[in-house]
């Protein structure tokens, strides 16, 4: 019980510190330098990589040890499969949606305009919300399945619909998905970098352990 509480506390501390460091930097960049969230990607990644390097060199003290323990737990067993699998799935969903909206605003813009002419209510967010309130549970299930099938069999129509919905919500969908995509991409990149650095450390450890005592001294 004590160990579980310690693990939870360490995880909370590491999450809070990382959020307290990275989020203000990202918000400052977006507010004062560039409104493009992709523009802050390199800065945040550089800070994250720097923290991993300083941790490996033992420069972050007690926090560095907590950070390394928590990162190690994400690289092993079922937890690693869940984290990596979830990251890949979300990256595909988020990236696919961003790509579909961009295609709907460019390649399939004629289809988008045609859709707006035939369904003017799509341009009104209140009408969209009213229709969603009328949907039953099975309607949501059918809609999710239909959207998945549309990716393979009706991508132009899907792109046009998503582009129209994005415009009706003043670009909120594209903005939210872009932010989430960048966040997950950074998380995935940090995990991969730590995994590579961890594997290098483990590969060097046996050679050190096998050295004769005279060489070690």
Protein backbone atom coordinates (compact mmCIF):
# COMPACT_ATOMS: atom_id res chain seq x y z
CA UNK A 1 0.00 0.00 0.00
CA UNK A 2 2.84 2.35 0.93
CA UNK A 3 4.62 1.58 -2.36
CA UNK A 4 1.47 2.32 -4.38
CA UNK A 5 1.03 5.65 -2.61
CA UNK A 6 4.69 6.49 -3.28
CA UNK A 7 4.32 5.62 -6.98
CA UNK A 8 1.17 7.72 -7.25
CA UNK A 9 2.83 10.66 -5.50
CA UNK A 10 5.91 10.44 -7.72
CA UNK A 11 3.76 10.25 -10.85
CA UNK A 12 1.74 13.27 -9.72
CA UNK A 13 4.88 15.29 -8.95
CA UNK A 14 6.50 14.47 -12.30
CA UNK A 15 3.29 15.27 -14.21
CA UNK A 16 2.84 18.56 -12.33
CA UNK A 17 6.43 19.68 -12.90
CA UNK A 18 6.40 18.76 -16.60
CA UNK A 19 3.07 20.55 -17.06
CA UNK A 20 4.31 23.54 -15.07
CA UNK A 21 7.39 23.80 -17.29
CA UNK A 22 6.06 22.92 -20.75
CA UNK A 23 2.58 24.50 -20.74
CA UNK A 24 3.70 28.07 -19.87
CA UNK A 25 6.43 27.87 -22.52
CA UNK A 26 3.92 26.75 -25.16
CA UNK A 27 1.37 29.41 -24.16
CA UNK A 28 4.06 32.13 -24.18
CA UNK A 29 5.21 31.04 -27.66
CA UNK A 30 1.66 30.98 -29.05
CA UNK A 31 0.71 34.29 -27.42
CA UNK A 32 3.80 36.38 -28.13
CA UNK A 33 5.70 34.71 -31.00
CA UNK A 34 3.47 32.66 -33.28
CA UNK A 35 -0.16 31.51 -33.16
CA UNK A 36 0.83 28.35 -35.01
CA UNK A 37 0.91 25.49 -32.47
CA UNK A 38 3.22 23.49 -34.75
CA UNK A 39 5.76 26.30 -34.43
CA UNK A 40 6.27 25.57 -30.72
CA UNK A 41 6.82 21.88 -31.38
CA UNK A 42 10.61 22.15 -31.69
CA UNK A 43 10.99 24.24 -28.55
CA UNK A 44 8.92 21.92 -26.35
CA UNK A 45 10.65 18.83 -27.74
CA UNK A 46 14.06 20.42 -27.14
CA UNK A 47 13.18 21.16 -23.51
CA UNK A 48 11.89 17.60 -23.00
CA UNK A 49 15.00 16.05 -24.55
CA UNK A 50 17.20 18.34 -22.44
CA UNK A 51 15.42 17.17 -19.28
CA UNK A 52 16.02 13.53 -20.24
CA UNK A 53 19.72 14.19 -20.91
CA UNK A 54 20.13 16.06 -17.60
CA UNK A 55 18.34 13.21 -15.84
CA UNK A 56 20.73 10.67 -17.36
CA UNK A 57 23.68 12.77 -16.21
CA UNK A 58 22.24 13.05 -12.69
CA UNK A 59 21.91 16.84 -12.88
CA UNK A 60 18.27 17.06 -11.72
CA UNK A 61 18.76 15.57 -8.27
CA UNK A 62 15.85 13.84 -6.58
CA UNK A 63 13.37 14.93 -9.23
CA UNK A 64 15.57 13.37 -11.90
CA UNK A 65 15.44 10.01 -10.14
CA UNK A 66 11.64 10.21 -9.83
CA UNK A 67 11.36 11.23 -13.48
CA UNK A 68 13.55 8.32 -14.59
CA UNK A 69 11.59 5.80 -12.50
CA UNK A 70 8.28 6.97 -13.93
CA UNK A 71 9.61 6.91 -17.50
CA UNK A 72 11.04 3.41 -16.96
CA UNK A 73 7.61 2.16 -15.89
CA UNK A 74 6.16 3.37 -19.19
CA UNK A 75 8.67 1.25 -21.16
CA UNK A 76 7.84 -2.18 -19.74
CA UNK A 77 5.00 -4.71 -19.69
CA UNK A 78 1.31 -4.08 -20.35
CA UNK A 79 1.57 -0.41 -19.45
CA UNK A 80 4.05 0.17 -22.29
CA UNK A 81 1.80 -1.62 -24.80
CA UNK A 82 -1.18 0.43 -23.70
CA UNK A 83 0.70 3.76 -23.81
CA UNK A 84 2.35 3.15 -27.19
CA UNK A 85 -0.78 1.61 -28.70
CA UNK A 86 -2.99 4.45 -27.49
CA UNK A 87 -0.54 7.07 -28.77
CA UNK A 88 -0.43 5.50 -32.25
CA UNK A 89 -4.23 5.18 -32.45
CA UNK A 90 -4.81 8.76 -31.35
CA UNK A 91 -2.15 10.07 -33.74
CA UNK A 92 -3.87 8.27 -36.62
CA UNK A 93 -7.31 9.59 -35.65
CA UNK A 94 -6.16 13.16 -35.00
CA UNK A 95 -3.85 13.31 -38.03
CA UNK A 96 -6.48 11.74 -40.27
CA UNK A 97 -9.10 14.29 -39.20
CA UNK A 98 -6.72 17.21 -39.79
CA UNK A 99 -5.85 15.82 -43.23
CA UNK A 100 -9.54 15.31 -44.09
CA UNK A 101 -10.47 18.89 -43.13
CA UNK A 102 -7.58 20.32 -45.15
CA UNK A 103 -8.61 18.21 -48.14
CA UNK A 104 -12.20 19.38 -47.76
CA UNK A 105 -11.01 23.00 -47.88
CA UNK A 106 -8.82 22.47 -50.95
CA UNK A 107 -9.18 19.38 -53.13
CA UNK A 108 -12.88 18.81 -52.39
CA UNK A 109 -13.92 22.44 -51.91
CA UNK A 110 -16.51 22.17 -54.72
CA UNK A 111 -18.15 19.26 -52.94
CA UNK A 112 -18.05 21.27 -49.73
CA UNK A 113 -19.81 24.23 -51.36
CA UNK A 114 -22.40 21.91 -52.90
CA UNK A 115 -23.06 20.41 -49.48
CA UNK A 116 -23.62 23.88 -48.01
CA UNK A 117 -26.08 24.77 -50.78
CA UNK A 118 -28.09 21.60 -50.24
CA UNK A 119 -27.96 21.73 -46.42
CA UNK A 120 -27.83 25.33 -45.26
CA UNK A 121 -28.45 24.23 -41.67
CA UNK A 122 -24.88 22.89 -41.56
CA UNK A 123 -23.63 26.47 -41.44
CA UNK A 124 -25.59 27.11 -38.24
CA UNK A 125 -24.02 25.65 -35.06
CA UNK A 126 -27.33 25.91 -33.18
CA UNK A 127 -29.08 23.78 -35.79
CA UNK A 128 -26.29 21.19 -35.61
CA UNK A 129 -26.55 21.03 -31.80
CA UNK A 130 -30.32 20.72 -32.05
CA UNK A 131 -30.00 17.76 -34.40
CA UNK A 132 -27.42 16.05 -32.19
CA UNK A 133 -29.78 16.35 -29.21
CA UNK A 134 -32.38 14.41 -31.18
CA UNK A 135 -30.02 11.49 -31.83
CA UNK A 136 -30.53 8.22 -29.96
CA UNK A 137 -27.74 5.96 -28.69
CA UNK A 138 -27.99 3.63 -31.68
CA UNK A 139 -27.77 6.64 -34.00
CA UNK A 140 -24.38 7.51 -32.51
CA UNK A 141 -23.20 3.92 -32.98
CA UNK A 142 -24.34 3.88 -36.61
CA UNK A 143 -22.70 7.27 -37.14
CA UNK A 144 -19.35 6.14 -35.75
CA UNK A 145 -19.39 2.98 -37.85
CA UNK A 146 -20.48 4.96 -40.91
CA UNK A 147 -17.68 7.50 -40.42
CA UNK A 148 -15.13 4.69 -40.16
CA UNK A 149 -16.41 3.11 -43.41
CA UNK A 150 -16.48 6.51 -45.11
CA UNK A 151 -12.71 6.80 -44.63
CA UNK A 152 -12.27 3.95 -47.11
CA UNK A 153 -15.35 4.22 -49.36
CA UNK A 154 -16.46 7.89 -49.28
CA UNK A 155 -13.46 9.98 -48.24
CA UNK A 156 -14.31 13.02 -50.44
CA UNK A 157 -17.78 13.28 -48.89
CA UNK A 158 -16.36 12.81 -45.39
CA UNK A 159 -13.75 15.53 -45.99
CA UNK A 160 -16.42 17.94 -47.22
CA UNK A 161 -18.66 17.28 -44.19
CA UNK A 162 -15.79 17.75 -41.70
CA UNK A 163 -14.68 20.95 -43.45
CA UNK A 164 -18.23 22.33 -43.27
CA UNK A 165 -18.56 21.44 -39.59
CA UNK A 166 -15.18 23.02 -38.86
CA UNK A 167 -16.24 26.27 -40.56
CA UNK A 168 -19.58 26.32 -38.72
CA UNK A 169 -17.69 26.12 -35.41
CA UNK A 170 -15.22 28.88 -36.43
CA UNK A 171 -12.33 26.47 -36.93
CA UNK A 172 -12.56 25.06 -33.42
CA UNK A 173 -12.38 21.42 -34.59
CA UNK A 174 -9.18 21.94 -36.58
CA UNK A 175 -7.61 23.97 -33.78
CA UNK A 176 -8.43 21.41 -31.09
CA UNK A 177 -7.27 18.45 -33.18
CA UNK A 178 -4.05 20.24 -34.12
CA UNK A 179 -3.22 20.99 -30.49
CA UNK A 180 -4.01 17.41 -29.46
CA UNK A 181 -1.98 16.01 -32.39
CA UNK A 182 1.08 18.06 -31.45
CA UNK A 183 0.76 17.01 -27.80
CA UNK A 184 0.53 13.31 -28.63
CA UNK A 185 3.31 13.57 -31.19
CA UNK A 186 5.58 15.12 -28.58
CA UNK A 187 4.63 12.49 -26.01
CA UNK A 188 5.35 9.70 -28.48
CA UNK A 189 8.66 11.26 -29.50
CA UNK A 190 9.76 11.69 -25.88
CA UNK A 191 8.90 8.05 -25.10
CA UNK A 192 10.84 6.83 -28.14
CA UNK A 193 13.87 8.98 -27.28
CA UNK A 194 13.86 7.75 -23.67
CA UNK A 195 13.49 4.13 -24.85
CA UNK A 196 16.50 4.50 -27.17
CA UNK A 197 18.62 6.12 -24.46
CA UNK A 198 17.52 3.42 -21.99
CA UNK A 199 18.47 0.62 -24.40
CA UNK A 200 21.92 2.19 -24.92
CA UNK A 201 22.42 2.41 -21.17
CA UNK A 202 21.43 -1.24 -20.69
CA UNK A 203 23.70 -2.38 -23.54
CA UNK A 204 26.69 -0.67 -21.94
CA UNK A 205 26.00 -1.97 -18.44
CA UNK A 206 26.96 -5.66 -19.05
CA UNK A 207 30.32 -4.70 -20.52
CA UNK A 208 31.07 -2.63 -17.43
CA UNK A 209 30.01 -5.44 -15.10
CA UNK A 210 32.22 -7.97 -16.91
CA UNK A 211 35.41 -5.92 -16.55
CA UNK A 212 38.08 -7.40 -14.27
CA UNK A 213 38.30 -5.81 -10.86
CA UNK A 214 41.81 -4.55 -11.67
CA UNK A 215 40.47 -2.54 -14.64
CA UNK A 216 37.55 -1.16 -12.67
CA UNK A 217 39.90 0.01 -9.92
